[in-house]
PDB file of N, CA and C in Angstrom:
ATOM      1  N   MET A   1       5.917 127.157-100.115  1.00  0.00           N
ATOM      2  CA  MET A   1       5.452 125.872-100.568  1.00  0.00           C
ATOM      3  C   MET A   1       5.246 125.869-102.064  1.00  0.00           C
ATOM      4  N   SER A   2       5.691 124.837-102.718  1.00  0.00           N
ATOM      5  CA  SER A   2       5.569 124.745-104.159  1.00  0.00           C
ATOM      6  C   SER A   2       4.214 124.298-104.610  1.00  0.00           C
ATOM      7  N   VAL A   3       3.796 124.766-105.741  1.00  0.00           N
ATOM      8  CA  VAL A   3       2.514 124.333-106.345  1.00  0.00           C
ATOM      9  C   VAL A   3       2.844 123.099-107.187  1.00  0.00           C
ATOM     10  N   PRO A   4       2.223 121.945-106.906  1.00  0.00           N
ATOM     11  CA  PRO A   4       2.507 120.747-107.677  1.00  0.00           C
ATOM     12  C   PRO A   4       2.004 120.859-109.103  1.00  0.00           C
ATOM     13  N   SER A   5       2.550 120.069-109.982  1.00  0.00           N
ATOM     14  CA  SER A   5       2.153 120.080-111.396  1.00  0.00           C
ATOM     15  C   SER A   5       1.962 118.655-111.902  1.00  0.00           C
ATOM     16  N   ALA A   6       0.727 118.313-112.222  1.00  0.00           N
ATOM     17  CA  ALA A   6       0.462 117.001-112.804  1.00  0.00           C
ATOM     18  C   ALA A   6       1.155 116.890-114.155  1.00  0.00           C
ATOM     19  N   LYS A   7       1.248 118.003-114.869  1.00  0.00           N
ATOM     20  CA  LYS A   7       1.887 118.024-116.171  1.00  0.00           C
ATOM     21  C   LYS A   7       3.352 117.612-116.073  1.00  0.00           C
ATOM     22  N   LYS A   8       4.086 118.239-115.164  1.00  0.00           N
ATOM     23  CA  LYS A   8       5.504 117.912-114.976  1.00  0.00           C
ATOM     24  C   LYS A   8       5.682 116.464-114.553  1.00  0.00           C
ATOM     25  N   ASN A   9       4.882 116.020-113.583  1.00  0.00           N
ATOM     26  CA  ASN A   9       5.015 114.658-113.083  1.00  0.00           C
ATOM     27  C   ASN A   9       4.718 113.657-114.177  1.00  0.00           C
ATOM     28  N   THR A  10       3.706 113.914-115.004  1.00  0.00           N
ATOM     29  CA  THR A  10       3.360 113.003-116.091  1.00  0.00           C
ATOM     30  C   THR A  10       4.462 112.937-117.138  1.00  0.00           C
ATOM     31  N   ILE A  11       4.974 114.078-117.547  1.00  0.00           N
ATOM     32  CA  ILE A  11       6.061 114.107-118.551  1.00  0.00           C
ATOM     33  C   ILE A  11       7.307 113.387-118.027  1.00  0.00           C
ATOM     34  N   LEU A  12       7.662 113.633-116.778  1.00  0.00           N
ATOM     35  CA  LEU A  12       8.840 112.993-116.201  1.00  0.00           C
ATOM     36  C   LEU A  12       8.610 111.489-116.068  1.00  0.00           C
ATOM     37  N   ALA A  13       7.399 111.057-115.730  1.00  0.00           N
ATOM     38  CA  ALA A  13       7.090 109.648-115.614  1.00  0.00           C
ATOM     39  C   ALA A  13       7.213 108.951-116.996  1.00  0.00           C
ATOM     40  N   ILE A  14       6.672 109.617-118.028  1.00  0.00           N
ATOM     41  CA  ILE A  14       6.769 109.031-119.386  1.00  0.00           C
ATOM     42  C   ILE A  14       8.226 108.957-119.809  1.00  0.00           C
ATOM     43  N   GLY A  15       8.978 110.051-119.573  1.00  0.00           N
ATOM     44  CA  GLY A  15      10.403 110.038-119.911  1.00  0.00           C
ATOM     45  C   GLY A  15      11.171 108.999-119.145  1.00  0.00           C
ATOM     46  N   GLY A  16      10.828 108.820-117.868  1.00  0.00           N
ATOM     47  CA  GLY A  16      11.487 107.816-117.019  1.00  0.00           C
ATOM     48  C   GLY A  16      11.205 106.385-117.490  1.00  0.00           C
ATOM     49  N   ALA A  17      10.049 106.185-118.109  1.00  0.00           N
ATOM     50  CA  ALA A  17       9.701 104.853-118.590  1.00  0.00           C
ATOM     51  C   ALA A  17      10.689 104.392-119.644  1.00  0.00           C
ATOM     52  N   THR A  18      11.273 105.320-120.383  1.00  0.00           N
ATOM     53  CA  THR A  18      12.216 104.943-121.431  1.00  0.00           C
ATOM     54  C   THR A  18      13.570 104.502-120.845  1.00  0.00           C
ATOM     55  N   LYS A  19      13.743 104.653-119.562  1.00  0.00           N
ATOM     56  CA  LYS A  19      14.977 104.249-118.900  1.00  0.00           C
ATOM     57  C   LYS A  19      14.885 102.837-118.292  1.00  0.00           C
ATOM     58  N   GLY A  20      13.657 102.319-118.197  1.00  0.00           N
ATOM     59  CA  GLY A  20      13.451 101.000-117.599  1.00  0.00           C
ATOM     60  C   GLY A  20      13.805  99.889-118.579  1.00  0.00           C
ATOM     61  N   ASP A  21      13.857  98.652-118.075  1.00  0.00           N
ATOM     62  CA  ASP A  21      14.215  97.504-118.880  1.00  0.00           C
ATOM     63  C   ASP A  21      13.241  97.267-120.031  1.00  0.00           C
ATOM     64  N   LEU A  22      11.938  97.453-119.772  1.00  0.00           N
ATOM     65  CA  LEU A  22      10.914  97.189-120.759  1.00  0.00           C
ATOM     66  C   LEU A  22      11.018  98.138-121.969  1.00  0.00           C
ATOM     67  N   MET A  23      11.300  99.387-121.725  1.00  0.00           N
ATOM     68  CA  MET A  23      11.351 100.393-122.800  1.00  0.00           C
ATOM     69  C   MET A  23      12.756 100.869-123.071  1.00  0.00           C
ATOM     70  N   LYS A  24      13.768 100.157-122.637  1.00  0.00           N
ATOM     71  CA  LYS A  24      15.156 100.590-122.816  1.00  0.00           C
ATOM     72  C   LYS A  24      15.423 100.866-124.292  1.00  0.00           C
ATOM     73  N   GLY A  25      16.034 102.013-124.578  1.00  0.00           N
ATOM     74  CA  GLY A  25      16.305 102.416-125.935  1.00  0.00           C
ATOM     75  C   GLY A  25      15.220 103.275-126.524  1.00  0.00           C
ATOM     76  N   GLY A  26      14.093 103.404-125.816  1.00  0.00           N
ATOM     77  CA  GLY A  26      12.989 104.224-126.314  1.00  0.00           C
ATOM     78  C   GLY A  26      13.332 105.703-126.133  1.00  0.00           C
ATOM     79  N   LYS A  27      12.564 106.545-126.739  1.00  0.00           N
ATOM     80  CA  LYS A  27      12.770 107.979-126.651  1.00  0.00           C
ATOM     81  C   LYS A  27      11.472 108.708-126.220  1.00  0.00           C
ATOM     82  N   LEU A  28      11.669 109.818-125.585  1.00  0.00           N
ATOM     83  CA  LEU A  28      10.566 110.670-125.184  1.00  0.00           C
ATOM     84  C   LEU A  28      10.152 111.508-126.434  1.00  0.00           C
ATOM     85  N   VAL A  29       8.860 111.582-126.678  1.00  0.00           N
ATOM     86  CA  VAL A  29       8.326 112.349-127.774  1.00  0.00           C
ATOM     87  C   VAL A  29       7.447 113.452-127.210  1.00  0.00           C
ATOM     88  N   LEU A  30       7.786 114.715-127.555  1.00  0.00           N
ATOM     89  CA  LEU A  30       7.050 115.866-127.026  1.00  0.00           C
ATOM     90  C   LEU A  30       6.428 116.653-128.169  1.00  0.00           C
ATOM     91  N   LEU A  31       5.160 116.924-128.010  1.00  0.00           N
ATOM     92  CA  LEU A  31       4.437 117.768-128.969  1.00  0.00           C
ATOM     93  C   LEU A  31       4.499 119.197-128.456  1.00  0.00           C
ATOM     94  N   THR A  32       5.038 120.095-129.288  1.00  0.00           N
ATOM     95  CA  THR A  32       5.169 121.494-128.921  1.00  0.00           C
ATOM     96  C   THR A  32       4.549 122.363-129.987  1.00  0.00           C
ATOM     97  N   PRO A  33       4.335 123.647-129.731  1.00  0.00           N
ATOM     98  CA  PRO A  33       3.803 124.548-130.749  1.00  0.00           C
ATOM     99  C   PRO A  33       4.709 124.653-131.981  1.00  0.00           C
ATOM    100  N   THR A  34       5.975 124.325-131.834  1.00  0.00           N
ATOM    101  CA  THR A  34       6.925 124.403-132.924  1.00  0.00           C
ATOM    102  C   THR A  34       6.947 123.178-133.771  1.00  0.00           C
ATOM    103  N   GLY A  35       6.647 122.041-133.193  1.00  0.00           N
ATOM    104  CA  GLY A  35       6.666 120.774-133.892  1.00  0.00           C
ATOM    105  C   GLY A  35       6.847 119.622-132.931  1.00  0.00           C
ATOM    106  N   VAL A  36       7.282 118.472-133.476  1.00  0.00           N
ATOM    107  CA  VAL A  36       7.467 117.268-132.663  1.00  0.00           C
ATOM    108  C   VAL A  36       8.945 117.131-132.320  1.00  0.00           C
ATOM    109  N   LEU A  37       9.219 116.964-131.044  1.00  0.00           N
ATOM    110  CA  LEU A  37      10.581 116.865-130.526  1.00  0.00           C
ATOM    111  C   LEU A  37      10.771 115.473-129.907  1.00  0.00           C
ATOM    112  N   THR A  38      11.790 114.768-130.379  1.00  0.00           N
ATOM    113  CA  THR A  38      12.078 113.409-129.913  1.00  0.00           C
ATOM    114  C   THR A  38      13.490 113.390-129.372  1.00  0.00           C
ATOM    115  N   GLY A  39      13.685 112.717-128.221  1.00  0.00           N
ATOM    116  CA  GLY A  39      15.006 112.606-127.672  1.00  0.00           C
ATOM    117  C   GLY A  39      15.024 111.762-126.426  1.00  0.00           C
ATOM    118  N   VAL A  40      16.203 111.603-125.852  1.00  0.00           N
ATOM    119  CA  VAL A  40      16.412 110.793-124.638  1.00  0.00           C
ATOM    120  C   VAL A  40      16.405 111.755-123.461  1.00  0.00           C
ATOM    121  N   LEU A  41      15.560 111.463-122.469  1.00  0.00           N
ATOM    122  CA  LEU A  41      15.495 112.288-121.273  1.00  0.00           C
ATOM    123  C   LEU A  41      16.818 112.241-120.556  1.00  0.00           C
ATOM    124  N   HIS A  42      17.363 113.421-120.272  1.00  0.00           N
ATOM    125  CA  HIS A  42      18.623 113.513-119.521  1.00  0.00           C
ATOM    126  C   HIS A  42      18.284 113.424-118.036  1.00  0.00           C
ATOM    127  N   LEU A  43      18.887 112.424-117.384  1.00  0.00           N
ATOM    128  CA  LEU A  43      18.673 112.270-115.958  1.00  0.00           C
ATOM    129  C   LEU A  43      19.889 112.897-115.275  1.00  0.00           C
ATOM    130  N   GLU A  44      19.635 113.460-114.080  1.00  0.00           N
ATOM    131  CA  GLU A  44      20.717 114.104-113.317  1.00  0.00           C
ATOM    132  C   GLU A  44      21.841 113.097-113.103  1.00  0.00           C
ATOM    133  N   SER A  45      23.046 113.572-113.325  1.00  0.00           N
ATOM    134  CA  SER A  45      24.212 112.742-113.012  1.00  0.00           C
ATOM    135  C   SER A  45      24.987 113.432-111.921  1.00  0.00           C
ATOM    136  N   ASN A  46      25.611 112.644-111.122  1.00  0.00           N
ATOM    137  CA  ASN A  46      26.427 113.181-110.036  1.00  0.00           C
ATOM    138  C   ASN A  46      27.838 113.458-110.570  1.00  0.00           C
ATOM    139  N   VAL A  47      28.080 114.696-110.906  1.00  0.00           N
ATOM    140  CA  VAL A  47      29.357 115.090-111.454  1.00  0.00           C
ATOM    141  C   VAL A  47      30.194 115.618-110.306  1.00  0.00           C
ATOM    142  N   ASP A  48      31.255 114.874-109.953  1.00  0.00           N
ATOM    143  CA  ASP A  48      32.137 115.324-108.909  1.00  0.00           C
ATOM    144  C   ASP A  48      33.045 116.430-109.427  1.00  0.00           C
ATOM    145  N   ASP A  49      33.571 117.232-108.502  1.00  0.00           N
ATOM    146  CA  ASP A  49      34.464 118.314-108.921  1.00  0.00           C
ATOM    147  C   ASP A  49      35.716 117.739-109.573  1.00  0.00           C
ATOM    148  N   ASP A  50      36.143 116.549-109.182  1.00  0.00           N
ATOM    149  CA  ASP A  50      37.360 115.952-109.710  1.00  0.00           C
ATOM    150  C   ASP A  50      37.093 115.129-110.953  1.00  0.00           C
ATOM    151  N   ALA A  51      35.825 114.903-111.265  1.00  0.00           N
ATOM    152  CA  ALA A  51      35.510 114.037-112.407  1.00  0.00           C
ATOM    153  C   ALA A  51      35.693 114.782-113.730  1.00  0.00           C
ATOM    154  N   PHE A  52      35.898 114.033-114.784  1.00  0.00           N
ATOM    155  CA  PHE A  52      36.010 114.579-116.101  1.00  0.00           C
ATOM    156  C   PHE A  52      34.647 115.121-116.537  1.00  0.00           C
ATOM    157  N   VAL A  53      34.642 116.303-117.078  1.00  0.00           N
ATOM    158  CA  VAL A  53      33.384 116.916-117.551  1.00  0.00           C
ATOM    159  C   VAL A  53      33.372 116.795-119.084  1.00  0.00           C
ATOM    160  N   ASP A  54      32.362 116.082-119.570  1.00  0.00           N
ATOM    161  CA  ASP A  54      32.179 115.943-121.024  1.00  0.00           C
ATOM    162  C   ASP A  54      31.341 117.125-121.528  1.00  0.00           C
ATOM    163  N   PRO A  55      31.947 118.030-122.287  1.00  0.00           N
ATOM    164  CA  PRO A  55      31.204 119.224-122.728  1.00  0.00           C
ATOM    165  C   PRO A  55      29.940 118.891-123.492  1.00  0.00           C
ATOM    166  N   LYS A  56      29.895 117.775-124.185  1.00  0.00           N
ATOM    167  CA  LYS A  56      28.706 117.398-124.978  1.00  0.00           C
ATOM    168  C   LYS A  56      27.568 116.951-124.081  1.00  0.00           C
ATOM    169  N   ARG A  57      27.847 116.521-122.850  1.00  0.00           N
ATOM    170  CA  ARG A  57      26.792 115.964-122.009  1.00  0.00           C
ATOM    171  C   ARG A  57      26.631 116.679-120.661  1.00  0.00           C
ATOM    172  N   ASP A  58      27.643 117.381-120.204  1.00  0.00           N
ATOM    173  CA  ASP A  58      27.618 117.867-118.840  1.00  0.00           C
ATOM    174  C   ASP A  58      27.448 119.407-118.694  1.00  0.00           C
ATOM    175  N   LEU A  59      27.888 120.185-119.666  1.00  0.00           N
ATOM    176  CA  LEU A  59      27.870 121.652-119.484  1.00  0.00           C
ATOM    177  C   LEU A  59      26.454 122.228-119.480  1.00  0.00           C
ATOM    178  N   LEU A  60      25.616 121.799-120.377  1.00  0.00           N
ATOM    179  CA  LEU A  60      24.257 122.340-120.413  1.00  0.00           C
ATOM    180  C   LEU A  60      23.505 122.018-119.131  1.00  0.00           C
ATOM    181  N   PRO A  61      23.528 120.755-118.656  1.00  0.00           N
ATOM    182  CA  PRO A  61      22.846 120.466-117.380  1.00  0.00           C
ATOM    183  C   PRO A  61      23.406 121.250-116.206  1.00  0.00           C
ATOM    184  N   ILE A  62      24.678 121.478-116.193  1.00  0.00           N
ATOM    185  CA  ILE A  62      25.316 122.233-115.084  1.00  0.00           C
ATOM    186  C   ILE A  62      24.773 123.686-115.138  1.00  0.00           C
ATOM    187  N   HIS A  63      24.681 124.305-116.310  1.00  0.00           N
ATOM    188  CA  HIS A  63      24.175 125.666-116.419  1.00  0.00           C
ATOM    189  C   HIS A  63      22.710 125.748-116.034  1.00  0.00           C
ATOM    190  N   VAL A  64      21.924 124.776-116.420  1.00  0.00           N
ATOM    191  CA  VAL A  64      20.497 124.762-116.054  1.00  0.00           C
ATOM    192  C   VAL A  64      20.379 124.618-114.554  1.00  0.00           C
ATOM    193  N   ARG A  65      21.144 123.743-113.940  1.00  0.00           N
ATOM    194  CA  ARG A  65      21.108 123.549-112.481  1.00  0.00           C
ATOM    195  C   ARG A  65      21.487 124.851-111.764  1.00  0.00           C
ATOM    196  N   VAL A  66      22.518 125.526-112.224  1.00  0.00           N
ATOM    197  CA  VAL A  66      22.944 126.794-111.618  1.00  0.00           C
ATOM    198  C   VAL A  66      21.821 127.842-111.717  1.00  0.00           C
ATOM    199  N   ALA A  67      21.159 127.929-112.891  1.00  0.00           N
ATOM    200  CA  ALA A  67      20.090 128.894-113.069  1.00  0.00           C
ATOM    201  C   ALA A  67      18.904 128.562-112.176  1.00  0.00           C
ATOM    202  N   GLU A  68      18.539 127.284-112.046  1.00  0.00           N
ATOM    203  CA  GLU A  68      17.428 126.930-111.181  1.00  0.00           C
ATOM    204  C   GLU A  68      17.760 127.195-109.709  1.00  0.00           C
ATOM    205  N   ASP A  69      18.991 126.864-109.318  1.00  0.00           N
ATOM    206  CA  ASP A  69      19.398 127.115-107.920  1.00  0.00           C
ATOM    207  C   ASP A  69      19.352 128.605-107.594  1.00  0.00           C
ATOM    208  N   ALA A  70      19.820 129.428-108.550  1.00  0.00           N
ATOM    209  CA  ALA A  70      19.801 130.892-108.315  1.00  0.00           C
ATOM    210  C   ALA A  70      18.394 131.390-108.234  1.00  0.00           C
ATOM    211  N   TYR A  71      17.482 130.864-109.073  1.00  0.00           N
ATOM    212  CA  TYR A  71      16.070 131.288-109.031  1.00  0.00           C
ATOM    213  C   TYR A  71      15.464 130.933-107.683  1.00  0.00           C
ATOM    214  N   ILE A  72      15.696 129.707-107.230  1.00  0.00           N
ATOM    215  CA  ILE A  72      15.150 129.263-105.970  1.00  0.00           C
ATOM    216  C   ILE A  72      15.705 130.119-104.813  1.00  0.00           C
ATOM    217  N   GLU A  73      16.994 130.383-104.830  1.00  0.00           N
ATOM    218  CA  GLU A  73      17.599 131.189-103.778  1.00  0.00           C
ATOM    219  C   GLU A  73      17.069 132.625-103.778  1.00  0.00           C
ATOM    220  N   ASP A  74      16.964 133.202-104.966  1.00  0.00           N
ATOM    221  CA  ASP A  74      16.505 134.612-105.086  1.00  0.00           C
ATOM    222  C   ASP A  74      15.015 134.744-104.736  1.00  0.00           C
ATOM    223  N   SER A  75      14.237 133.720-105.071  1.00  0.00           N
ATOM    224  CA  SER A  75      12.789 133.837-104.841  1.00  0.00           C
ATOM    225  C   SER A  75      12.368 133.350-103.463  1.00  0.00           C
ATOM    226  N   GLY A  76      13.267 132.642-102.786  1.00  0.00           N
ATOM    227  CA  GLY A  76      12.946 132.096-101.470  1.00  0.00           C
ATOM    228  C   GLY A  76      11.961 130.934-101.525  1.00  0.00           C
ATOM    229  N   LYS A  77      11.832 130.300-102.692  1.00  0.00           N
ATOM    230  CA  LYS A  77      10.881 129.201-102.862  1.00  0.00           C
ATOM    231  C   LYS A  77      11.552 127.866-102.502  1.00  0.00           C
ATOM    232  N   ASP A  78      10.742 126.824-102.429  1.00  0.00           N
ATOM    233  CA  ASP A  78      11.244 125.489-102.163  1.00  0.00           C
ATOM    234  C   ASP A  78      12.017 124.998-103.359  1.00  0.00           C
ATOM    235  N   ALA A  79      12.550 123.772-103.226  1.00  0.00           N
ATOM    236  CA  ALA A  79      13.409 123.192-104.261  1.00  0.00           C
ATOM    237  C   ALA A  79      12.669 122.890-105.580  1.00  0.00           C
ATOM    238  N   MET A  80      11.355 122.679-105.499  1.00  0.00           N
ATOM    239  CA  MET A  80      10.595 122.360-106.708  1.00  0.00           C
ATOM    240  C   MET A  80      10.008 123.671-107.290  1.00  0.00           C
ATOM    241  N   LEU A  81      10.194 123.926-108.562  1.00  0.00           N
ATOM    242  CA  LEU A  81       9.658 125.102-109.168  1.00  0.00           C
ATOM    243  C   LEU A  81       8.139 124.982-109.289  1.00  0.00           C
ATOM    244  N   ASP A  82       7.459 126.094-109.131  1.00  0.00           N
ATOM    245  CA  ASP A  82       5.988 126.127-109.137  1.00  0.00           C
ATOM    246  C   ASP A  82       5.386 125.738-110.481  1.00  0.00           C
ATOM    247  N   GLY A  83       4.211 125.131-110.391  1.00  0.00           N
ATOM    248  CA  GLY A  83       3.374 124.879-111.563  1.00  0.00           C
ATOM    249  C   GLY A  83       4.140 124.371-112.768  1.00  0.00           C
ATOM    250  N   ASN A  84       3.988 125.024-113.901  1.00  0.00           N
ATOM    251  CA  ASN A  84       4.641 124.613-115.145  1.00  0.00           C
ATOM    252  C   ASN A  84       5.976 125.314-115.364  1.00  0.00           C
ATOM    253  N   ASP A  85       6.501 125.940-114.316  1.00  0.00           N
ATOM    254  CA  ASP A  85       7.810 126.565-114.406  1.00  0.00           C
ATOM    255  C   ASP A  85       8.865 125.450-114.399  1.00  0.00           C
ATOM    256  N   GLY A  86       9.941 125.657-115.078  1.00  0.00           N
ATOM    257  CA  GLY A  86      11.000 124.663-115.073  1.00  0.00           C
ATOM    258  C   GLY A  86      11.207 124.083-116.473  1.00  0.00           C
ATOM    259  N   CYS A  87      12.141 123.119-116.545  1.00  0.00           N
ATOM    260  CA  CYS A  87      12.513 122.573-117.841  1.00  0.00           C
ATOM    261  C   CYS A  87      13.061 121.175-117.682  1.00  0.00           C
ATOM    262  N   ILE A  88      13.197 120.503-118.793  1.00  0.00           N
ATOM    263  CA  ILE A  88      13.903 119.222-118.869  1.00  0.00           C
ATOM    264  C   ILE A  88      14.939 119.359-119.977  1.00  0.00           C
ATOM    265  N   ILE A  89      15.841 118.412-120.013  1.00  0.00           N
ATOM    266  CA  ILE A  89      16.887 118.353-121.028  1.00  0.00           C
ATOM    267  C   ILE A  89      16.733 117.057-121.810  1.00  0.00           C
ATOM    268  N   LEU A  90      16.766 117.178-123.122  1.00  0.00           N
ATOM    269  CA  LEU A  90      16.739 115.988-123.976  1.00  0.00           C
ATOM    270  C   LEU A  90      18.121 115.842-124.627  1.00  0.00           C
ATOM    271  N   ASN A  91      18.647 114.647-124.655  1.00  0.00           N
ATOM    272  CA  ASN A  91      19.873 114.302-125.348  1.00  0.00           C
ATOM    273  C   ASN A  91      19.508 113.742-126.718  1.00  0.00           C
ATOM    274  N   ASP A  92      20.403 113.901-127.672  1.00  0.00           N
ATOM    275  CA  ASP A  92      20.243 113.351-129.027  1.00  0.00           C
ATOM    276  C   ASP A  92      18.837 113.658-129.564  1.00  0.00           C
ATOM    277  N   ALA A  93      18.473 114.908-129.524  1.00  0.00           N
ATOM    278  CA  ALA A  93      17.135 115.376-129.898  1.00  0.00           C
ATOM    279  C   ALA A  93      16.991 115.682-131.368  1.00  0.00           C
ATOM    280  N   VAL A  94      15.785 115.415-131.845  1.00  0.00           N
ATOM    281  CA  VAL A  94      15.417 115.755-133.246  1.00  0.00           C
ATOM    282  C   VAL A  94      14.095 116.515-133.152  1.00  0.00           C
ATOM    283  N   LEU A  95      14.086 117.699-133.761  1.00  0.00           N
ATOM    284  CA  LEU A  95      12.852 118.493-133.858  1.00  0.00           C
ATOM    285  C   LEU A  95      12.438 118.493-135.322  1.00  0.00           C
ATOM    286  N   ILE A  96      11.199 118.072-135.565  1.00  0.00           N
ATOM    287  CA  ILE A  96      10.597 118.178-136.891  1.00  0.00           C
ATOM    288  C   ILE A  96       9.567 119.261-136.772  1.00  0.00           C
ATOM    289  N   ASN A  97       9.849 120.416-137.400  1.00  0.00           N
ATOM    290  CA  ASN A  97       8.960 121.573-137.248  1.00  0.00           C
ATOM    291  C   ASN A  97       7.731 121.418-138.154  1.00  0.00           C
ATOM    292  N   LEU A  98       6.827 122.377-138.054  1.00  0.00           N
ATOM    293  CA  LEU A  98       5.556 122.317-138.787  1.00  0.00           C
ATOM    294  C   LEU A  98       5.742 122.339-140.266  1.00  0.00           C
ATOM    295  N   ALA A  99       6.863 122.860-140.749  1.00  0.00           N
ATOM    296  CA  ALA A  99       7.155 122.881-142.158  1.00  0.00           C
ATOM    297  C   ALA A  99       7.834 121.594-142.629  1.00  0.00           C
ATOM    298  N   GLY A 100       8.147 120.690-141.700  1.00  0.00           N
ATOM    299  CA  GLY A 100       8.764 119.428-142.068  1.00  0.00           C
ATOM    300  C   GLY A 100      10.295 119.459-141.980  1.00  0.00           C
ATOM    301  N   LEU A 101      10.882 120.601-141.614  1.00  0.00           N
ATOM    302  CA  LEU A 101      12.327 120.710-141.487  1.00  0.00           C
ATOM    303  C   LEU A 101      12.801 119.968-140.246  1.00  0.00           C
ATOM    304  N   GLU A 102      13.853 119.193-140.392  1.00  0.00           N
ATOM    305  CA  GLU A 102      14.403 118.419-139.289  1.00  0.00           C
ATOM    306  C   GLU A 102      15.659 119.082-138.751  1.00  0.00           C
ATOM    307  N   LEU A 103      15.630 119.337-137.463  1.00  0.00           N
ATOM    308  CA  LEU A 103      16.789 119.955-136.777  1.00  0.00           C
ATOM    309  C   LEU A 103      17.281 118.991-135.721  1.00  0.00           C
ATOM    310  N   ARG A 104      18.609 118.815-135.637  1.00  0.00           N
ATOM    311  CA  ARG A 104      19.193 117.883-134.662  1.00  0.00           C
ATOM    312  C   ARG A 104      20.019 118.639-133.638  1.00  0.00           C
ATOM    313  N   PHE A 105      19.934 118.179-132.384  1.00  0.00           N
ATOM    314  CA  PHE A 105      20.667 118.806-131.279  1.00  0.00           C
ATOM    315  C   PHE A 105      21.328 117.735-130.407  1.00  0.00           C
ATOM    316  N   ASN A 106      22.559 117.960-129.990  1.00  0.00           N
ATOM    317  CA  ASN A 106      23.164 117.062-128.993  1.00  0.00           C
ATOM    318  C   ASN A 106      22.358 117.086-127.718  1.00  0.00           C
ATOM    319  N   GLN A 107      21.961 118.311-127.296  1.00  0.00           N
ATOM    320  CA  GLN A 107      21.117 118.509-126.115  1.00  0.00           C
ATOM    321  C   GLN A 107      20.267 119.736-126.382  1.00  0.00           C
ATOM    322  N   ILE A 108      19.068 119.724-125.787  1.00  0.00           N
ATOM    323  CA  ILE A 108      18.218 120.888-125.879  1.00  0.00           C
ATOM    324  C   ILE A 108      17.405 120.993-124.568  1.00  0.00           C
ATOM    325  N   VAL A 109      17.239 122.236-124.107  1.00  0.00           N
ATOM    326  CA  VAL A 109      16.423 122.504-122.943  1.00  0.00           C
ATOM    327  C   VAL A 109      14.987 122.746-123.427  1.00  0.00           C
ATOM    328  N   VAL A 110      14.030 122.056-122.847  1.00  0.00           N
ATOM    329  CA  VAL A 110      12.614 122.203-123.207  1.00  0.00           C
ATOM    330  C   VAL A 110      11.886 122.679-121.959  1.00  0.00           C
ATOM    331  N   PHE A 111      11.230 123.818-122.074  1.00  0.00           N
ATOM    332  CA  PHE A 111      10.481 124.399-120.940  1.00  0.00           C
ATOM    333  C   PHE A 111       9.094 123.747-120.885  1.00  0.00           C
ATOM    334  N   PHE A 112       8.689 123.389-119.648  1.00  0.00           N
ATOM    335  CA  PHE A 112       7.422 122.661-119.483  1.00  0.00           C
ATOM    336  C   PHE A 112       6.228 123.428-120.069  1.00  0.00           C
ATOM    337  N   ASP A 113       6.250 124.750-120.007  1.00  0.00           N
ATOM    338  CA  ASP A 113       5.093 125.510-120.512  1.00  0.00           C
ATOM    339  C   ASP A 113       4.965 125.440-122.024  1.00  0.00           C
ATOM    340  N   GLN A 114       5.983 124.896-122.724  1.00  0.00           N
ATOM    341  CA  GLN A 114       5.942 124.765-124.155  1.00  0.00           C
ATOM    342  C   GLN A 114       5.545 123.384-124.651  1.00  0.00           C
ATOM    343  N   ILE A 115       5.272 122.490-123.687  1.00  0.00           N
ATOM    344  CA  ILE A 115       4.929 121.120-124.034  1.00  0.00           C
ATOM    345  C   ILE A 115       3.398 120.979-124.017  1.00  0.00           C
ATOM    346  N   VAL A 116       2.872 120.500-125.149  1.00  0.00           N
ATOM    347  CA  VAL A 116       1.419 120.342-125.300  1.00  0.00           C
ATOM    348  C   VAL A 116       1.034 118.874-125.004  1.00  0.00           C
ATOM    349  N   GLY A 117       1.888 117.949-125.389  1.00  0.00           N
ATOM    350  CA  GLY A 117       1.590 116.540-125.179  1.00  0.00           C
ATOM    351  C   GLY A 117       2.853 115.746-125.127  1.00  0.00           C
ATOM    352  N   ALA A 118       2.782 114.515-124.658  1.00  0.00           N
ATOM    353  CA  ALA A 118       3.980 113.658-124.513  1.00  0.00           C
ATOM    354  C   ALA A 118       3.602 112.196-124.697  1.00  0.00           C
ATOM    355  N   THR A 119       4.530 111.447-125.270  1.00  0.00           N
ATOM    356  CA  THR A 119       4.435 110.007-125.371  1.00  0.00           C
ATOM    357  C   THR A 119       5.859 109.466-125.473  1.00  0.00           C
ATOM    358  N   PHE A 120       6.008 108.197-125.793  1.00  0.00           N
ATOM    359  CA  PHE A 120       7.356 107.659-126.005  1.00  0.00           C
ATOM    360  C   PHE A 120       7.341 106.646-127.119  1.00  0.00           C
ATOM    361  N   THR A 121       8.541 106.394-127.670  1.00  0.00           N
ATOM    362  CA  THR A 121       8.693 105.388-128.734  1.00  0.00           C
ATOM    363  C   THR A 121       9.285 104.148-128.062  1.00  0.00           C
ATOM    364  N   ALA A 122       8.979 103.015-128.601  1.00  0.00           N
ATOM    365  CA  ALA A 122       9.489 101.747-128.077  1.00  0.00           C
ATOM    366  C   ALA A 122      10.885 101.476-128.596  1.00  0.00           C
ATOM    367  N   GLU A 123      11.256 102.112-129.695  1.00  0.00           N
ATOM    368  CA  GLU A 123      12.561 101.850-130.324  1.00  0.00           C
ATOM    369  C   GLU A 123      13.289 103.156-130.462  1.00  0.00           C
ATOM    370  N   SER A 124      14.637 103.049-130.487  1.00  0.00           N
ATOM    371  CA  SER A 124      15.446 104.242-130.626  1.00  0.00           C
ATOM    372  C   SER A 124      15.589 104.583-132.080  1.00  0.00           C
TER     373      SER A 124
END
């Protein structure tokens, strides 16, 4: 049985809010020990074996899914990872570190245990 995580559910709910009509175009903002990370929450897409795979959008999520599936299979745990274990993917991400340096990523994996706080922007 998996241990639920209010932290994961809250972050995913905030990120999901940016996909609704009211906040469409908004971005998820994550406070981490490294700095402030802003991006669009990547939602699971159903990639068929016959479908075109866009390397900029599909390869990282596929690798993350394979790693999570292997972990679950090897550990004998349920489909949800325990506590703060696990990650999310942000598209079109910008990290502004503590020194003020801005780094841009097409996609980045963010581990839940590295997230200190979360909010969203109303505009992209």
